[in-house]
Each structure stands twice: as structure tokens, then as C-alpha cells.
Amino acid sequence: MDNNNHYEIYCYQNSNTKETPVIEYIEKLSFKEQVKVTKYIDYLQQNKGYLDEPYSKHIAGKIRELRVDFSHNKHRIFYFTFIEQKIILLYGFLKKTDKTPQKEIARALTYLYDCEKNKSFIKYEY
């Protein structure tokens, strides 16, 4: 495998609490939803962190959202691409409105800043 083109998936880990919000979110989903989310994360990795709509959408700054719809549930996972070909999954939430709530974007930005400042992320194991 050519490592120059290989992107790795990591999860943001809070530098104070050591919690990993995206893993906690995914673990709460049903088995079938977890399978679909994992499939989309694989697809994101294969495409070097960039997918067009409807799979992904730019949110703010470096932040994009992975869009996983399952029946009536609209799962969203915020992520960004970091140096050294790392895709960092920040956290996920269940979208219940047409527009992404500002409080969710603010949380993603907070996690992004913590991640960049403290290099606080762990390898995603699935």
C-alpha cells in the first residue's frame, strides 16, 4: 500500500476529561445504524476526507459533516482533515431540524480548537 495516499481515521479526545464524544455517540446507536455509520466512515477514508453532497457538507472553517441518514434518523458526524493525512471525527448528533443548530456548530468549533491546540485525538478502532 502506498502510505503517501493513505488517510487514517482518528477521534477527538477531550484534553481534560479524556472523553471521546464521537465514539460515545456511535456506541449508543442500534447495530444496523452503527454498521451504516462505519460504512460511511470507511468511504470517507477511501476518499481522503472529502465527499460531495449528499454524503458530506461544509459547515464552518475546516469543519465538515458526514451525513448518514437511516430511516427517519439524520445522523451527523462533524470532522476535519488534519496534517499528516489524519481525518479527525469530532462528534456526532441526531439532526432534528432543517438547518444545523448553531449550538452544534459552536460545540464542533470548541472541539476543533482543543484538538488542534492539544493534539488530543486517538486512533479510531472499528
N, C-alpha and C. Protein backbone atom coordinates (compact mmCIF):
# COMPACT_ATOMS: atom_id res chain seq x y z
N MET A 1 0.85 -1.19 0.00
CA MET A 1 0.00 0.00 0.00
C MET A 1 0.89 1.24 0.00
N ASP A 2 0.47 2.23 -0.74
CA ASP A 2 1.20 3.49 -0.83
C ASP A 2 0.79 4.39 0.33
N ASN A 3 1.66 4.53 1.33
CA ASN A 3 1.33 5.33 2.52
C ASN A 3 1.21 6.82 2.22
N ASN A 4 1.72 7.26 1.07
CA ASN A 4 1.59 8.67 0.72
C ASN A 4 0.14 9.06 0.42
N ASN A 5 -0.68 8.08 0.12
CA ASN A 5 -2.08 8.36 -0.19
C ASN A 5 -3.03 7.77 0.83
N HIS A 6 -2.52 7.28 1.94
CA HIS A 6 -3.36 6.59 2.92
C HIS A 6 -3.74 7.53 4.07
N TYR A 7 -5.01 7.75 4.21
CA TYR A 7 -5.53 8.59 5.29
C TYR A 7 -5.97 7.70 6.44
N GLU A 8 -5.76 8.15 7.65
CA GLU A 8 -6.15 7.42 8.85
C GLU A 8 -7.29 8.15 9.55
N ILE A 9 -8.13 7.40 10.22
CA ILE A 9 -9.25 7.96 10.96
C ILE A 9 -8.89 8.03 12.45
N TYR A 10 -9.11 9.21 13.04
CA TYR A 10 -8.88 9.43 14.46
C TYR A 10 -10.14 10.04 15.06
N CYS A 11 -10.24 9.97 16.36
CA CYS A 11 -11.37 10.56 17.07
C CYS A 11 -10.85 11.61 18.05
N TYR A 12 -11.51 12.73 18.06
CA TYR A 12 -11.20 13.77 19.05
C TYR A 12 -11.38 13.20 20.44
N GLN A 13 -10.42 13.51 21.32
CA GLN A 13 -10.50 13.13 22.73
C GLN A 13 -10.32 14.41 23.55
N ASN A 14 -11.31 14.71 24.38
CA ASN A 14 -11.27 15.92 25.20
C ASN A 14 -9.98 15.91 26.02
N SER A 15 -9.21 17.00 25.94
CA SER A 15 -7.90 17.04 26.61
C SER A 15 -8.02 17.07 28.13
N ASN A 16 -9.18 17.47 28.66
CA ASN A 16 -9.37 17.49 30.11
C ASN A 16 -10.02 16.21 30.63
N THR A 17 -11.13 15.82 30.02
CA THR A 17 -11.91 14.68 30.55
C THR A 17 -11.52 13.34 29.93
N LYS A 18 -10.82 13.38 28.81
CA LYS A 18 -10.42 12.19 28.04
C LYS A 18 -11.61 11.48 27.41
N GLU A 19 -12.77 12.14 27.39
CA GLU A 19 -13.94 11.56 26.73
C GLU A 19 -13.76 11.66 25.22
N THR A 20 -14.35 10.71 24.51
CA THR A 20 -14.33 10.71 23.05
C THR A 20 -15.79 10.77 22.57
N PRO A 21 -16.30 11.99 22.35
CA PRO A 21 -17.71 12.17 22.04
C PRO A 21 -18.23 11.38 20.85
N VAL A 22 -17.45 11.25 19.79
CA VAL A 22 -17.94 10.54 18.61
C VAL A 22 -18.10 9.05 18.88
N ILE A 23 -17.19 8.47 19.64
CA ILE A 23 -17.30 7.05 19.97
C ILE A 23 -18.51 6.82 20.87
N GLU A 24 -18.69 7.71 21.84
CA GLU A 24 -19.85 7.59 22.72
C GLU A 24 -21.15 7.67 21.92
N TYR A 25 -21.20 8.54 20.93
CA TYR A 25 -22.40 8.69 20.11
C TYR A 25 -22.65 7.41 19.29
N ILE A 26 -21.63 6.94 18.62
CA ILE A 26 -21.78 5.76 17.76
C ILE A 26 -22.18 4.53 18.58
N GLU A 27 -21.59 4.38 19.77
CA GLU A 27 -21.91 3.21 20.60
C GLU A 27 -23.36 3.18 21.07
N LYS A 28 -24.03 4.33 21.10
CA LYS A 28 -25.43 4.39 21.53
C LYS A 28 -26.41 4.05 20.41
N LEU A 29 -25.93 3.98 19.18
CA LEU A 29 -26.80 3.69 18.04
C LEU A 29 -27.14 2.20 17.99
N SER A 30 -28.20 1.88 17.26
CA SER A 30 -28.55 0.47 17.05
C SER A 30 -27.44 -0.18 16.23
N PHE A 31 -27.39 -1.50 16.24
CA PHE A 31 -26.36 -2.22 15.50
C PHE A 31 -26.39 -1.84 14.01
N LYS A 32 -27.59 -1.84 13.41
CA LYS A 32 -27.70 -1.52 11.98
C LYS A 32 -27.24 -0.10 11.69
N GLU A 33 -27.54 0.84 12.59
CA GLU A 33 -27.09 2.22 12.40
C GLU A 33 -25.57 2.30 12.53
N GLN A 34 -25.00 1.56 13.49
CA GLN A 34 -23.54 1.54 13.65
C GLN A 34 -22.86 1.02 12.39
N VAL A 35 -23.44 -0.02 11.79
CA VAL A 35 -22.88 -0.59 10.56
C VAL A 35 -22.88 0.46 9.45
N LYS A 36 -23.98 1.18 9.29
CA LYS A 36 -24.07 2.18 8.23
C LYS A 36 -23.11 3.34 8.48
N VAL A 37 -23.03 3.81 9.72
CA VAL A 37 -22.09 4.90 10.06
C VAL A 37 -20.66 4.46 9.77
N THR A 38 -20.31 3.24 10.17
CA THR A 38 -18.96 2.72 9.93
C THR A 38 -18.66 2.63 8.44
N LYS A 39 -19.66 2.22 7.66
CA LYS A 39 -19.50 2.15 6.20
C LYS A 39 -19.21 3.54 5.62
N TYR A 40 -19.91 4.55 6.11
CA TYR A 40 -19.68 5.92 5.63
C TYR A 40 -18.30 6.43 6.06
N ILE A 41 -17.87 6.08 7.27
CA ILE A 41 -16.54 6.48 7.73
C ILE A 41 -15.47 5.83 6.85
N ASP A 42 -15.67 4.56 6.49
CA ASP A 42 -14.76 3.88 5.56
C ASP A 42 -14.70 4.62 4.22
N TYR A 43 -15.86 4.98 3.73
CA TYR A 43 -15.98 5.69 2.46
C TYR A 43 -15.25 7.04 2.53
N LEU A 44 -15.39 7.71 3.67
CA LEU A 44 -14.69 8.98 3.90
C LEU A 44 -13.18 8.77 3.85
N GLN A 45 -12.71 7.71 4.48
CA GLN A 45 -11.27 7.40 4.49
C GLN A 45 -10.77 7.09 3.08
N GLN A 46 -11.51 6.30 2.34
CA GLN A 46 -11.11 5.94 0.98
C GLN A 46 -11.03 7.16 0.07
N ASN A 47 -11.83 8.18 0.38
CA ASN A 47 -11.87 9.39 -0.44
C ASN A 47 -11.04 10.53 0.15
N LYS A 48 -10.11 10.17 1.02
CA LYS A 48 -9.13 11.11 1.58
C LYS A 48 -9.77 12.30 2.28
N GLY A 49 -10.89 12.03 2.97
CA GLY A 49 -11.52 13.06 3.78
C GLY A 49 -12.44 14.00 3.04
N TYR A 50 -12.68 13.73 1.75
CA TYR A 50 -13.56 14.63 1.02
C TYR A 50 -14.63 13.85 0.27
N LEU A 51 -15.86 14.16 0.59
CA LEU A 51 -17.01 13.59 -0.12
C LEU A 51 -17.92 14.73 -0.53
N ASP A 52 -18.54 14.60 -1.67
CA ASP A 52 -19.51 15.59 -2.12
C ASP A 52 -20.85 15.33 -1.45
N GLU A 53 -21.76 16.31 -1.59
CA GLU A 53 -23.12 16.11 -1.13
C GLU A 53 -23.73 14.98 -1.95
N PRO A 54 -24.57 14.16 -1.42
CA PRO A 54 -25.25 14.29 -0.13
C PRO A 54 -24.50 13.65 1.04
N TYR A 55 -23.29 13.08 0.81
CA TYR A 55 -22.58 12.36 1.86
C TYR A 55 -21.90 13.27 2.87
N SER A 56 -21.49 14.43 2.43
CA SER A 56 -20.76 15.35 3.28
C SER A 56 -21.11 16.77 2.89
N LYS A 57 -20.96 17.67 3.86
CA LYS A 57 -21.25 19.08 3.59
C LYS A 57 -20.33 19.95 4.43
N HIS A 58 -19.85 21.06 3.83
CA HIS A 58 -19.03 22.02 4.58
C HIS A 58 -19.92 22.74 5.58
N ILE A 59 -19.41 22.92 6.81
CA ILE A 59 -20.18 23.58 7.87
C ILE A 59 -19.59 24.95 8.20
N ALA A 60 -18.33 24.97 8.63
CA ALA A 60 -17.68 26.24 9.01
C ALA A 60 -16.17 26.01 9.10
N GLY A 61 -15.40 26.91 8.53
CA GLY A 61 -13.95 26.79 8.61
C GLY A 61 -13.49 25.44 8.06
N LYS A 62 -12.77 24.69 8.87
CA LYS A 62 -12.28 23.37 8.47
C LYS A 62 -13.32 22.27 8.65
N ILE A 63 -14.40 22.59 9.33
CA ILE A 63 -15.36 21.57 9.74
C ILE A 63 -16.33 21.20 8.62
N ARG A 64 -16.47 19.88 8.45
CA ARG A 64 -17.45 19.32 7.53
C ARG A 64 -18.32 18.35 8.33
N GLU A 65 -19.46 17.98 7.77
CA GLU A 65 -20.29 16.98 8.42
C GLU A 65 -20.47 15.79 7.51
N LEU A 66 -20.32 14.61 8.09
CA LEU A 66 -20.63 13.36 7.42
C LEU A 66 -22.11 13.13 7.65
N ARG A 67 -22.86 12.90 6.59
CA ARG A 67 -24.32 12.83 6.67
C ARG A 67 -24.77 11.38 6.47
N VAL A 68 -25.27 10.79 7.53
CA VAL A 68 -25.71 9.40 7.48
C VAL A 68 -27.19 9.36 7.84
N ASP A 69 -28.01 9.14 6.84
CA ASP A 69 -29.45 9.04 7.08
C ASP A 69 -29.84 7.57 7.19
N PHE A 70 -30.62 7.29 8.22
CA PHE A 70 -31.07 5.92 8.47
C PHE A 70 -32.54 5.99 8.83
N SER A 71 -33.39 5.54 7.92
CA SER A 71 -34.83 5.66 8.10
C SER A 71 -35.16 7.14 8.30
N HIS A 72 -35.77 7.49 9.42
CA HIS A 72 -36.11 8.90 9.67
C HIS A 72 -35.03 9.61 10.48
N ASN A 73 -33.99 8.90 10.87
CA ASN A 73 -32.91 9.50 11.67
C ASN A 73 -31.84 10.09 10.76
N LYS A 74 -31.46 11.33 11.08
CA LYS A 74 -30.41 12.02 10.34
C LYS A 74 -29.20 12.19 11.25
N HIS A 75 -28.28 11.23 11.15
CA HIS A 75 -27.07 11.29 11.96
C HIS A 75 -26.05 12.18 11.27
N ARG A 76 -25.42 13.03 12.07
CA ARG A 76 -24.39 13.92 11.55
C ARG A 76 -23.13 13.76 12.40
N ILE A 77 -22.01 13.59 11.72
CA ILE A 77 -20.73 13.48 12.42
C ILE A 77 -19.82 14.58 11.88
N PHE A 78 -19.46 15.49 12.77
CA PHE A 78 -18.55 16.57 12.39
C PHE A 78 -17.12 16.04 12.36
N TYR A 79 -16.36 16.48 11.36
CA TYR A 79 -14.97 16.04 11.22
C TYR A 79 -14.18 17.12 10.49
N PHE A 80 -12.87 16.94 10.50
CA PHE A 80 -12.00 17.79 9.69
C PHE A 80 -10.77 16.98 9.33
N THR A 81 -10.07 17.44 8.30
CA THR A 81 -8.84 16.77 7.88
C THR A 81 -7.67 17.54 8.47
N PHE A 82 -6.79 16.81 9.14
CA PHE A 82 -5.68 17.38 9.88
C PHE A 82 -4.38 17.07 9.14
N ILE A 83 -3.31 17.68 9.58
CA ILE A 83 -2.00 17.44 8.97
C ILE A 83 -1.64 15.95 9.02
N GLU A 84 -0.73 15.56 8.16
CA GLU A 84 -0.25 14.17 8.08
C GLU A 84 -1.37 13.20 7.74
N GLN A 85 -2.30 13.63 6.90
CA GLN A 85 -3.35 12.77 6.37
C GLN A 85 -4.18 12.09 7.46
N LYS A 86 -4.58 12.89 8.43
CA LYS A 86 -5.44 12.41 9.50
C LYS A 86 -6.83 13.01 9.32
N ILE A 87 -7.84 12.16 9.41
CA ILE A 87 -9.22 12.63 9.42
C ILE A 87 -9.67 12.50 10.87
N ILE A 88 -10.05 13.63 11.47
CA ILE A 88 -10.43 13.65 12.88
C ILE A 88 -11.95 13.75 12.98
N LEU A 89 -12.57 12.73 13.57
CA LEU A 89 -14.01 12.75 13.84
C LEU A 89 -14.20 13.47 15.16
N LEU A 90 -14.96 14.55 15.17
CA LEU A 90 -15.14 15.34 16.38
C LEU A 90 -16.25 14.80 17.27
N TYR A 91 -17.45 14.75 16.74
CA TYR A 91 -18.57 14.19 17.49
C TYR A 91 -19.78 14.04 16.59
N GLY A 92 -20.77 13.32 17.08
CA GLY A 92 -21.98 13.11 16.30
C GLY A 92 -23.21 13.56 17.06
N PHE A 93 -24.27 13.82 16.30
CA PHE A 93 -25.54 14.17 16.90
C PHE A 93 -26.67 13.79 15.95
N LEU A 94 -27.86 13.69 16.48
CA LEU A 94 -29.05 13.40 15.70
C LEU A 94 -29.68 14.72 15.29
N LYS A 95 -29.70 14.98 13.99
CA LYS A 95 -30.23 16.23 13.48
C LYS A 95 -31.76 16.15 13.42
N LYS A 96 -32.42 17.13 14.04
CA LYS A 96 -33.88 17.12 14.11
C LYS A 96 -34.51 18.33 13.42
N THR A 97 -33.70 19.22 12.89
CA THR A 97 -34.21 20.43 12.23
C THR A 97 -33.63 20.50 10.82
N ASP A 98 -34.19 21.37 10.00
CA ASP A 98 -33.69 21.52 8.63
C ASP A 98 -32.28 22.10 8.60
N LYS A 99 -32.04 23.10 9.42
CA LYS A 99 -30.72 23.73 9.47
C LYS A 99 -29.93 23.17 10.65
N THR A 100 -28.62 23.09 10.49
CA THR A 100 -27.77 22.63 11.58
C THR A 100 -27.79 23.68 12.69
N PRO A 101 -28.17 23.29 13.91
CA PRO A 101 -28.25 24.26 15.01
C PRO A 101 -26.90 24.93 15.30
N GLN A 102 -26.94 26.22 15.59
CA GLN A 102 -25.72 26.97 15.89
C GLN A 102 -24.99 26.41 17.11
N LYS A 103 -25.72 25.89 18.08
CA LYS A 103 -25.06 25.33 19.27
C LYS A 103 -24.22 24.11 18.91
N GLU A 104 -24.65 23.35 17.90
CA GLU A 104 -23.87 22.18 17.46
C GLU A 104 -22.60 22.64 16.75
N ILE A 105 -22.72 23.67 15.94
CA ILE A 105 -21.55 24.22 15.25
C ILE A 105 -20.56 24.80 16.26
N ALA A 106 -21.07 25.51 17.27
CA ALA A 106 -20.20 26.08 18.31
C ALA A 106 -19.46 24.97 19.07
N ARG A 107 -20.16 23.89 19.36
CA ARG A 107 -19.51 22.76 20.05
C ARG A 107 -18.41 22.16 19.17
N ALA A 108 -18.69 22.01 17.89
CA ALA A 108 -17.70 21.46 16.97
C ALA A 108 -16.46 22.35 16.91
N LEU A 109 -16.67 23.66 16.87
CA LEU A 109 -15.54 24.59 16.84
C LEU A 109 -14.71 24.51 18.12
N THR A 110 -15.39 24.37 19.26
CA THR A 110 -14.69 24.22 20.54
C THR A 110 -13.82 22.97 20.53
N TYR A 111 -14.39 21.87 20.05
CA TYR A 111 -13.64 20.60 19.98
C TYR A 111 -12.48 20.71 18.99
N LEU A 112 -12.71 21.38 17.87
CA LEU A 112 -11.66 21.58 16.88
C LEU A 112 -10.48 22.33 17.50
N TYR A 113 -10.76 23.41 18.20
CA TYR A 113 -9.68 24.21 18.81
C TYR A 113 -8.91 23.40 19.86
N ASP A 114 -9.64 22.65 20.67
CA ASP A 114 -8.98 21.79 21.68
C ASP A 114 -8.11 20.75 20.99
N CYS A 115 -8.64 20.15 19.95
CA CYS A 115 -7.91 19.12 19.21
C CYS A 115 -6.62 19.67 18.60
N GLU A 116 -6.72 20.82 17.96
CA GLU A 116 -5.54 21.41 17.33
C GLU A 116 -4.52 21.90 18.36
N LYS A 117 -5.00 22.53 19.41
CA LYS A 117 -4.11 23.10 20.42
C LYS A 117 -3.37 22.01 21.20
N ASN A 118 -4.10 20.97 21.59
CA ASN A 118 -3.54 19.94 22.46
C ASN A 118 -3.21 18.62 21.77
N LYS A 119 -3.43 18.58 20.43
CA LYS A 119 -3.22 17.34 19.67
C LYS A 119 -3.95 16.18 20.37
N SER A 120 -5.19 16.46 20.77
CA SER A 120 -5.96 15.50 21.56
C SER A 120 -6.89 14.66 20.68
N PHE A 121 -6.34 13.54 20.22
CA PHE A 121 -7.12 12.59 19.44
C PHE A 121 -6.52 11.20 19.57
N ILE A 122 -7.36 10.20 19.31
CA ILE A 122 -6.92 8.81 19.39
C ILE A 122 -7.32 8.10 18.10
N LYS A 123 -6.63 7.02 17.79
CA LYS A 123 -6.94 6.24 16.58
C LYS A 123 -8.33 5.63 16.70
N TYR A 124 -9.08 5.68 15.62
CA TYR A 124 -10.42 5.10 15.58
C TYR A 124 -10.29 3.61 15.29
N GLU A 125 -10.78 2.81 16.20
CA GLU A 125 -10.74 1.34 16.05
C GLU A 125 -12.16 0.86 15.85
N TYR A 126 -12.41 0.22 14.73
CA TYR A 126 -13.74 -0.33 14.46
C TYR A 126 -13.63 -1.64 13.75
